Structure formats: C-alpha cells, structure tokens
Amino acid sequence: MRSLPSREELLRKLDSLCAGTETRKQIAEWAMSIIDDDDVRVTDKVAWRVLEGLGAADLPAPDRDYLYTTEDFKAWETELLGD
C-alpha cells in the first residue's frame, strides 16, 4: 500500500516546482499517481489538499497560462508549515 507523502516531501516538490528543477507536468503526474491510488490512506487533510492542487499544477486557465501560480504554491507551503 502506498502512503500519503509527508509534508516535507510535498514541500520539496513545491520547492522543485518554484525553482524549475521539475516541470509542472512532472509534478502533476507524480501527484496524480498518488491521488489515483485507491489504497492511499488520507491521514493529513492539509497534505491531501496540497497534493490535489499539485495534481492540477499543469492545468491551463482561461485567462492565464496555468490555473495555479507561484503565489498559490507559496501559499500551500505556508499551509504545510502552519499546522
């Protein structure tokens, strides 16, 4: 059974995304592989919500390139560090 990524792992992914060391597509595919796993147990609702957002990191928006911006990623980092 696969486990929900730790907050630390999610923070590393957000850092990679903001730094450009991983692409939005890479991050979204990684996140979706976990989200789509029916055996993953959700033990941290904040981590799960951030993971869901990362799963949509490469989605376009009607009025800009992407649905989520770097500001969103920074806000998710704050949430992960805050609880």
PDB file of N, CA and C in Angstrom:
ATOM      1  N   MET A   1       0.840  -1.176   0.000  1.00  0.00           N
ATOM      2  CA  MET A   1       0.000   0.000   0.000  1.00  0.00           C
ATOM      3  C   MET A   1       0.892   1.250   0.000  1.00  0.00           C
ATOM      4  N   ARG A   2       0.558   2.169  -0.840  1.00  0.00           N
ATOM      5  CA  ARG A   2       1.291   3.429  -0.951  1.00  0.00           C
ATOM      6  C   ARG A   2       0.801   4.395   0.120  1.00  0.00           C
ATOM      7  N   SER A   3       1.705   5.201   0.641  1.00  0.00           N
ATOM      8  CA  SER A   3       1.292   6.133   1.678  1.00  0.00           C
ATOM      9  C   SER A   3       1.220   7.564   1.146  1.00  0.00           C
ATOM     10  N   LEU A   4       0.466   8.368   1.858  1.00  0.00           N
ATOM     11  CA  LEU A   4       0.378   9.788   1.546  1.00  0.00           C
ATOM     12  C   LEU A   4       1.757  10.406   1.761  1.00  0.00           C
ATOM     13  N   PRO A   5       2.219  11.236   0.838  1.00  0.00           N
ATOM     14  CA  PRO A   5       3.531  11.870   1.033  1.00  0.00           C
ATOM     15  C   PRO A   5       3.539  12.718   2.299  1.00  0.00           C
ATOM     16  N   SER A   6       4.681  12.790   2.928  1.00  0.00           N
ATOM     17  CA  SER A   6       4.818  13.623   4.119  1.00  0.00           C
ATOM     18  C   SER A   6       4.772  15.092   3.713  1.00  0.00           C
ATOM     19  N   ARG A   7       4.538  15.934   4.682  1.00  0.00           N
ATOM     20  CA  ARG A   7       4.564  17.369   4.413  1.00  0.00           C
ATOM     21  C   ARG A   7       5.939  17.796   3.912  1.00  0.00           C
ATOM     22  N   GLU A   8       6.973  17.174   4.436  1.00  0.00           N
ATOM     23  CA  GLU A   8       8.333  17.501   3.997  1.00  0.00           C
ATOM     24  C   GLU A   8       8.536  17.160   2.526  1.00  0.00           C
ATOM     25  N   GLU A   9       8.013  16.016   2.109  1.00  0.00           N
ATOM     26  CA  GLU A   9       8.132  15.626   0.699  1.00  0.00           C
ATOM     27  C   GLU A   9       7.343  16.588  -0.193  1.00  0.00           C
ATOM     28  N   LEU A  10       6.169  16.976   0.258  1.00  0.00           N
ATOM     29  CA  LEU A  10       5.375  17.939  -0.505  1.00  0.00           C
ATOM     30  C   LEU A  10       6.090  19.286  -0.593  1.00  0.00           C
ATOM     31  N   LEU A  11       6.714  19.701   0.488  1.00  0.00           N
ATOM     32  CA  LEU A  11       7.480  20.956   0.462  1.00  0.00           C
ATOM     33  C   LEU A  11       8.638  20.872  -0.525  1.00  0.00           C
ATOM     34  N   ARG A  12       9.302  19.725  -0.590  1.00  0.00           N
ATOM     35  CA  ARG A  12      10.394  19.548  -1.565  1.00  0.00           C
ATOM     36  C   ARG A  12       9.860  19.637  -2.991  1.00  0.00           C
ATOM     37  N   LYS A  13       8.705  19.045  -3.233  1.00  0.00           N
ATOM     38  CA  LYS A  13       8.107  19.112  -4.571  1.00  0.00           C
ATOM     39  C   LYS A  13       7.725  20.545  -4.919  1.00  0.00           C
ATOM     40  N   LEU A  14       7.162  21.273  -3.970  1.00  0.00           N
ATOM     41  CA  LEU A  14       6.823  22.678  -4.212  1.00  0.00           C
ATOM     42  C   LEU A  14       8.075  23.503  -4.483  1.00  0.00           C
ATOM     43  N   ASP A  15       9.137  23.240  -3.741  1.00  0.00           N
ATOM     44  CA  ASP A  15      10.408  23.938  -3.974  1.00  0.00           C
ATOM     45  C   ASP A  15      10.941  23.632  -5.371  1.00  0.00           C
ATOM     46  N   SER A  16      10.878  22.377  -5.777  1.00  0.00           N
ATOM     47  CA  SER A  16      11.342  21.979  -7.114  1.00  0.00           C
ATOM     48  C   SER A  16      10.528  22.659  -8.202  1.00  0.00           C
ATOM     49  N   LEU A  17       9.239  22.759  -7.959  1.00  0.00           N
ATOM     50  CA  LEU A  17       8.346  23.400  -8.915  1.00  0.00           C
ATOM     51  C   LEU A  17       8.675  24.888  -9.044  1.00  0.00           C
ATOM     52  N   CYS A  18       8.826  25.560  -7.914  1.00  0.00           N
ATOM     53  CA  CYS A  18       9.123  27.000  -7.928  1.00  0.00           C
ATOM     54  C   CYS A  18      10.504  27.284  -8.499  1.00  0.00           C
ATOM     55  N   ALA A  19      11.458  26.388  -8.252  1.00  0.00           N
ATOM     56  CA  ALA A  19      12.823  26.574  -8.736  1.00  0.00           C
ATOM     57  C   ALA A  19      12.982  26.164 -10.199  1.00  0.00           C
ATOM     58  N   GLY A  20      12.000  25.439 -10.715  1.00  0.00           N
ATOM     59  CA  GLY A  20      12.073  24.997 -12.099  1.00  0.00           C
ATOM     60  C   GLY A  20      12.914  23.752 -12.311  1.00  0.00           C
ATOM     61  N   THR A  21      13.257  23.044 -11.231  1.00  0.00           N
ATOM     62  CA  THR A  21      14.036  21.819 -11.385  1.00  0.00           C
ATOM     63  C   THR A  21      13.163  20.628 -11.775  1.00  0.00           C
ATOM     64  N   GLU A  22      11.845  20.770 -11.566  1.00  0.00           N
ATOM     65  CA  GLU A  22      10.873  19.812 -12.074  1.00  0.00           C
ATOM     66  C   GLU A  22       9.783  20.618 -12.773  1.00  0.00           C
ATOM     67  N   THR A  23       9.257  20.064 -13.834  1.00  0.00           N
ATOM     68  CA  THR A  23       8.225  20.773 -14.594  1.00  0.00           C
ATOM     69  C   THR A  23       6.864  20.590 -13.943  1.00  0.00           C
ATOM     70  N   ARG A  24       5.952  21.450 -14.326  1.00  0.00           N
ATOM     71  CA  ARG A  24       4.574  21.317 -13.855  1.00  0.00           C
ATOM     72  C   ARG A  24       4.019  19.945 -14.239  1.00  0.00           C
ATOM     73  N   LYS A  25       4.319  19.507 -15.443  1.00  0.00           N
ATOM     74  CA  LYS A  25       3.824  18.213 -15.898  1.00  0.00           C
ATOM     75  C   LYS A  25       4.377  17.075 -15.033  1.00  0.00           C
ATOM     76  N   GLN A  26       5.668  17.124 -14.722  1.00  0.00           N
ATOM     77  CA  GLN A  26       6.271  16.084 -13.882  1.00  0.00           C
ATOM     78  C   GLN A  26       5.621  16.036 -12.500  1.00  0.00           C
ATOM     79  N   ILE A  27       5.436  17.210 -11.918  1.00  0.00           N
ATOM     80  CA  ILE A  27       4.841  17.281 -10.589  1.00  0.00           C
ATOM     81  C   ILE A  27       3.396  16.789 -10.623  1.00  0.00           C
ATOM     82  N   ALA A  28       2.635  17.224 -11.627  1.00  0.00           N
ATOM     83  CA  ALA A  28       1.230  16.813 -11.740  1.00  0.00           C
ATOM     84  C   ALA A  28       1.120  15.299 -11.934  1.00  0.00           C
ATOM     85  N   GLU A  29       1.974  14.731 -12.752  1.00  0.00           N
ATOM     86  CA  GLU A  29       1.938  13.278 -12.971  1.00  0.00           C
ATOM     87  C   GLU A  29       2.282  12.528 -11.689  1.00  0.00           C
ATOM     88  N   TRP A  30       3.277  13.016 -10.966  1.00  0.00           N
ATOM     89  CA  TRP A  30       3.647  12.400  -9.689  1.00  0.00           C
ATOM     90  C   TRP A  30       2.462  12.446  -8.726  1.00  0.00           C
ATOM     91  N   ALA A  31       1.854  13.619  -8.581  1.00  0.00           N
ATOM     92  CA  ALA A  31       0.736  13.780  -7.656  1.00  0.00           C
ATOM     93  C   ALA A  31      -0.449  12.901  -8.068  1.00  0.00           C
ATOM     94  N   MET A  32      -0.769  12.891  -9.352  1.00  0.00           N
ATOM     95  CA  MET A  32      -1.914  12.106  -9.819  1.00  0.00           C
ATOM     96  C   MET A  32      -1.694  10.607  -9.627  1.00  0.00           C
ATOM     97  N   SER A  33      -0.459  10.152  -9.706  1.00  0.00           N
ATOM     98  CA  SER A  33      -0.196   8.731  -9.487  1.00  0.00           C
ATOM     99  C   SER A  33      -0.539   8.334  -8.050  1.00  0.00           C
ATOM    100  N   ILE A  34      -0.423   9.264  -7.139  1.00  0.00           N
ATOM    101  CA  ILE A  34      -0.783   9.000  -5.741  1.00  0.00           C
ATOM    102  C   ILE A  34      -2.284   9.175  -5.542  1.00  0.00           C
ATOM    103  N   ILE A  35      -2.836  10.241  -6.095  1.00  0.00           N
ATOM    104  CA  ILE A  35      -4.271  10.508  -5.955  1.00  0.00           C
ATOM    105  C   ILE A  35      -5.095   9.363  -6.536  1.00  0.00           C
ATOM    106  N   ASP A  36      -4.665   8.812  -7.652  1.00  0.00           N
ATOM    107  CA  ASP A  36      -5.404   7.744  -8.327  1.00  0.00           C
ATOM    108  C   ASP A  36      -5.249   6.376  -7.663  1.00  0.00           C
ATOM    109  N   ASP A  37      -4.368   6.269  -6.679  1.00  0.00           N
ATOM    110  CA  ASP A  37      -4.149   5.013  -5.975  1.00  0.00           C
ATOM    111  C   ASP A  37      -5.228   4.856  -4.894  1.00  0.00           C
ATOM    112  N   ASP A  38      -6.145   3.934  -5.106  1.00  0.00           N
ATOM    113  CA  ASP A  38      -7.261   3.738  -4.176  1.00  0.00           C
ATOM    114  C   ASP A  38      -6.836   3.230  -2.805  1.00  0.00           C
ATOM    115  N   ASP A  39      -5.607   2.770  -2.688  1.00  0.00           N
ATOM    116  CA  ASP A  39      -5.146   2.233  -1.413  1.00  0.00           C
ATOM    117  C   ASP A  39      -4.474   3.278  -0.519  1.00  0.00           C
ATOM    118  N   VAL A  40      -4.297   4.484  -1.011  1.00  0.00           N
ATOM    119  CA  VAL A  40      -3.659   5.526  -0.201  1.00  0.00           C
ATOM    120  C   VAL A  40      -4.609   5.946   0.912  1.00  0.00           C
ATOM    121  N   ARG A  41      -4.103   5.928   2.119  1.00  0.00           N
ATOM    122  CA  ARG A  41      -4.904   6.357   3.268  1.00  0.00           C
ATOM    123  C   ARG A  41      -4.613   7.823   3.537  1.00  0.00           C
ATOM    124  N   VAL A  42      -5.662   8.622   3.622  1.00  0.00           N
ATOM    125  CA  VAL A  42      -5.520  10.052   3.894  1.00  0.00           C
ATOM    126  C   VAL A  42      -5.479  10.242   5.404  1.00  0.00           C
ATOM    127  N   THR A  43      -4.317  10.623   5.897  1.00  0.00           N
ATOM    128  CA  THR A  43      -4.138  10.825   7.326  1.00  0.00           C
ATOM    129  C   THR A  43      -3.903  12.295   7.662  1.00  0.00           C
ATOM    130  N   ASP A  44      -3.687  13.108   6.650  1.00  0.00           N
ATOM    131  CA  ASP A  44      -3.412  14.537   6.849  1.00  0.00           C
ATOM    132  C   ASP A  44      -4.188  15.295   5.775  1.00  0.00           C
ATOM    133  N   LYS A  45      -5.271  15.941   6.176  1.00  0.00           N
ATOM    134  CA  LYS A  45      -6.148  16.606   5.213  1.00  0.00           C
ATOM    135  C   LYS A  45      -5.477  17.789   4.519  1.00  0.00           C
ATOM    136  N   VAL A  46      -4.595  18.491   5.203  1.00  0.00           N
ATOM    137  CA  VAL A  46      -3.872  19.607   4.577  1.00  0.00           C
ATOM    138  C   VAL A  46      -2.941  19.061   3.502  1.00  0.00           C
ATOM    139  N   ALA A  47      -2.204  18.011   3.817  1.00  0.00           N
ATOM    140  CA  ALA A  47      -1.299  17.400   2.840  1.00  0.00           C
ATOM    141  C   ALA A  47      -2.085  16.879   1.632  1.00  0.00           C
ATOM    142  N   TRP A  48      -3.234  16.288   1.877  1.00  0.00           N
ATOM    143  CA  TRP A  48      -4.057  15.762   0.778  1.00  0.00           C
ATOM    144  C   TRP A  48      -4.534  16.887  -0.134  1.00  0.00           C
ATOM    145  N   ARG A  49      -4.971  17.997   0.464  1.00  0.00           N
ATOM    146  CA  ARG A  49      -5.461  19.118  -0.331  1.00  0.00           C
ATOM    147  C   ARG A  49      -4.337  19.715  -1.181  1.00  0.00           C
ATOM    148  N   VAL A  50      -3.143  19.824  -0.616  1.00  0.00           N
ATOM    149  CA  VAL A  50      -1.992  20.324  -1.382  1.00  0.00           C
ATOM    150  C   VAL A  50      -1.657  19.342  -2.504  1.00  0.00           C
ATOM    151  N   LEU A  51      -1.694  18.060  -2.203  1.00  0.00           N
ATOM    152  CA  LEU A  51      -1.427  17.046  -3.225  1.00  0.00           C
ATOM    153  C   LEU A  51      -2.431  17.164  -4.372  1.00  0.00           C
ATOM    154  N   GLU A  52      -3.693  17.389  -4.049  1.00  0.00           N
ATOM    155  CA  GLU A  52      -4.705  17.573  -5.096  1.00  0.00           C
ATOM    156  C   GLU A  52      -4.389  18.803  -5.947  1.00  0.00           C
ATOM    157  N   GLY A  53      -3.949  19.869  -5.308  1.00  0.00           N
ATOM    158  CA  GLY A  53      -3.558  21.061  -6.055  1.00  0.00           C
ATOM    159  C   GLY A  53      -2.375  20.784  -6.964  1.00  0.00           C
ATOM    160  N   LEU A  54      -1.410  20.046  -6.459  1.00  0.00           N
ATOM    161  CA  LEU A  54      -0.244  19.707  -7.288  1.00  0.00           C
ATOM    162  C   LEU A  54      -0.648  18.838  -8.475  1.00  0.00           C
ATOM    163  N   GLY A  55      -1.676  18.030  -8.293  1.00  0.00           N
ATOM    164  CA  GLY A  55      -2.175  17.220  -9.392  1.00  0.00           C
ATOM    165  C   GLY A  55      -2.741  18.056 -10.527  1.00  0.00           C
ATOM    166  N   ALA A  56      -3.084  19.290 -10.216  1.00  0.00           N
ATOM    167  CA  ALA A  56      -3.625  20.212 -11.223  1.00  0.00           C
ATOM    168  C   ALA A  56      -2.634  21.314 -11.587  1.00  0.00           C
ATOM    169  N   ALA A  57      -1.384  21.142 -11.213  1.00  0.00           N
ATOM    170  CA  ALA A  57      -0.372  22.194 -11.425  1.00  0.00           C
ATOM    171  C   ALA A  57      -0.145  22.528 -12.894  1.00  0.00           C
ATOM    172  N   ASP A  58      -0.443  21.596 -13.782  1.00  0.00           N
ATOM    173  CA  ASP A  58      -0.198  21.838 -15.207  1.00  0.00           C
ATOM    174  C   ASP A  58      -1.466  22.192 -15.994  1.00  0.00           C
ATOM    175  N   LEU A  59      -2.585  22.375 -15.291  1.00  0.00           N
ATOM    176  CA  LEU A  59      -3.831  22.697 -15.987  1.00  0.00           C
ATOM    177  C   LEU A  59      -3.861  24.160 -16.420  1.00  0.00           C
ATOM    178  N   PRO A  60      -4.287  24.409 -17.635  1.00  0.00           N
ATOM    179  CA  PRO A  60      -4.390  25.795 -18.094  1.00  0.00           C
ATOM    180  C   PRO A  60      -5.625  26.470 -17.507  1.00  0.00           C
ATOM    181  N   ALA A  61      -5.580  27.788 -17.463  1.00  0.00           N
ATOM    182  CA  ALA A  61      -6.729  28.592 -17.025  1.00  0.00           C
ATOM    183  C   ALA A  61      -7.201  29.415 -18.212  1.00  0.00           C
ATOM    184  N   PRO A  62      -8.466  29.804 -18.225  1.00  0.00           N
ATOM    185  CA  PRO A  62      -8.979  30.557 -19.378  1.00  0.00           C
ATOM    186  C   PRO A  62      -8.337  31.937 -19.557  1.00  0.00           C
ATOM    187  N   ASP A  63      -7.876  32.520 -18.460  1.00  0.00           N
ATOM    188  CA  ASP A  63      -7.362  33.888 -18.531  1.00  0.00           C
ATOM    189  C   ASP A  63      -5.855  34.012 -18.312  1.00  0.00           C
ATOM    190  N   ARG A  64      -5.166  32.894 -18.159  1.00  0.00           N
ATOM    191  CA  ARG A  64      -3.701  32.906 -17.976  1.00  0.00           C
ATOM    192  C   ARG A  64      -3.154  31.528 -18.348  1.00  0.00           C
ATOM    193  N   ASP A  65      -1.846  31.402 -18.312  1.00  0.00           N
ATOM    194  CA  ASP A  65      -1.229  30.145 -18.740  1.00  0.00           C
ATOM    195  C   ASP A  65      -1.672  28.941 -17.907  1.00  0.00           C
ATOM    196  N   TYR A  66      -1.683  29.122 -16.576  1.00  0.00           N
ATOM    197  CA  TYR A  66      -1.982  27.988 -15.689  1.00  0.00           C
ATOM    198  C   TYR A  66      -3.012  28.361 -14.639  1.00  0.00           C
ATOM    199  N   LEU A  67      -3.734  27.347 -14.173  1.00  0.00           N
ATOM    200  CA  LEU A  67      -4.744  27.533 -13.142  1.00  0.00           C
ATOM    201  C   LEU A  67      -4.111  28.048 -11.849  1.00  0.00           C
ATOM    202  N   TYR A  68      -2.960  27.466 -11.477  1.00  0.00           N
ATOM    203  CA  TYR A  68      -2.278  27.861 -10.250  1.00  0.00           C
ATOM    204  C   TYR A  68      -0.977  28.587 -10.579  1.00  0.00           C
ATOM    205  N   THR A  69      -0.674  29.586  -9.762  1.00  0.00           N
ATOM    206  CA  THR A  69       0.521  30.394  -9.964  1.00  0.00           C
ATOM    207  C   THR A  69       1.535  30.115  -8.859  1.00  0.00           C
ATOM    208  N   THR A  70       2.692  30.733  -8.983  1.00  0.00           N
ATOM    209  CA  THR A  70       3.721  30.614  -7.953  1.00  0.00           C
ATOM    210  C   THR A  70       3.186  31.115  -6.606  1.00  0.00           C
ATOM    211  N   GLU A  71       2.337  32.112  -6.636  1.00  0.00           N
ATOM    212  CA  GLU A  71       1.733  32.610  -5.387  1.00  0.00           C
ATOM    213  C   GLU A  71       0.909  31.521  -4.702  1.00  0.00           C
ATOM    214  N   ASP A  72       0.195  30.731  -5.476  1.00  0.00           N
ATOM    215  CA  ASP A  72      -0.551  29.609  -4.910  1.00  0.00           C
ATOM    216  C   ASP A  72       0.396  28.601  -4.278  1.00  0.00           C
ATOM    217  N   PHE A  73       1.479  28.293  -4.983  1.00  0.00           N
ATOM    218  CA  PHE A  73       2.444  27.320  -4.462  1.00  0.00           C
ATOM    219  C   PHE A  73       3.042  27.799  -3.144  1.00  0.00           C
ATOM    220  N   LYS A  74       3.347  29.089  -3.062  1.00  0.00           N
ATOM    221  CA  LYS A  74       3.901  29.663  -1.827  1.00  0.00           C
ATOM    222  C   LYS A  74       2.862  29.591  -0.700  1.00  0.00           C
ATOM    223  N   ALA A  75       1.600  29.828  -1.026  1.00  0.00           N
ATOM    224  CA  ALA A  75       0.534  29.737  -0.020  1.00  0.00           C
ATOM    225  C   ALA A  75       0.404  28.304   0.489  1.00  0.00           C
ATOM    226  N   TRP A  76       0.544  27.330  -0.408  1.00  0.00           N
ATOM    227  CA  TRP A  76       0.483  25.924   0.009  1.00  0.00           C
ATOM    228  C   TRP A  76       1.651  25.595   0.925  1.00  0.00           C
ATOM    229  N   GLU A  77       2.831  26.136   0.624  1.00  0.00           N
ATOM    230  CA  GLU A  77       3.981  25.931   1.503  1.00  0.00           C
ATOM    231  C   GLU A  77       3.670  26.454   2.908  1.00  0.00           C
ATOM    232  N   THR A  78       3.089  27.625   2.973  1.00  0.00           N
ATOM    233  CA  THR A  78       2.734  28.226   4.263  1.00  0.00           C
ATOM    234  C   THR A  78       1.745  27.346   5.012  1.00  0.00           C
ATOM    235  N   GLU A  79       0.755  26.815   4.308  1.00  0.00           N
ATOM    236  CA  GLU A  79      -0.217  25.929   4.942  1.00  0.00           C
ATOM    237  C   GLU A  79       0.442  24.675   5.486  1.00  0.00           C
ATOM    238  N   LEU A  80       1.346  24.097   4.704  1.00  0.00           N
ATOM    239  CA  LEU A  80       2.022  22.886   5.144  1.00  0.00           C
ATOM    240  C   LEU A  80       2.875  23.142   6.389  1.00  0.00           C
ATOM    241  N   LEU A  81       3.464  24.306   6.476  1.00  0.00           N
ATOM    242  CA  LEU A  81       4.319  24.657   7.612  1.00  0.00           C
ATOM    243  C   LEU A  81       3.511  25.112   8.823  1.00  0.00           C
ATOM    244  N   GLY A  82       2.253  25.526   8.589  1.00  0.00           N
ATOM    245  CA  GLY A  82       1.468  26.141   9.640  1.00  0.00           C
ATOM    246  C   GLY A  82       0.750  25.221  10.599  1.00  0.00           C
ATOM    247  N   ASP A  83       0.345  24.068  10.166  1.00  0.00           N
ATOM    248  CA  ASP A  83      -0.459  23.180  11.043  1.00  0.00           C
ATOM    249  C   ASP A  83       0.397  22.344  11.933  1.00  0.00           C
TER     250      ASP A  83
END
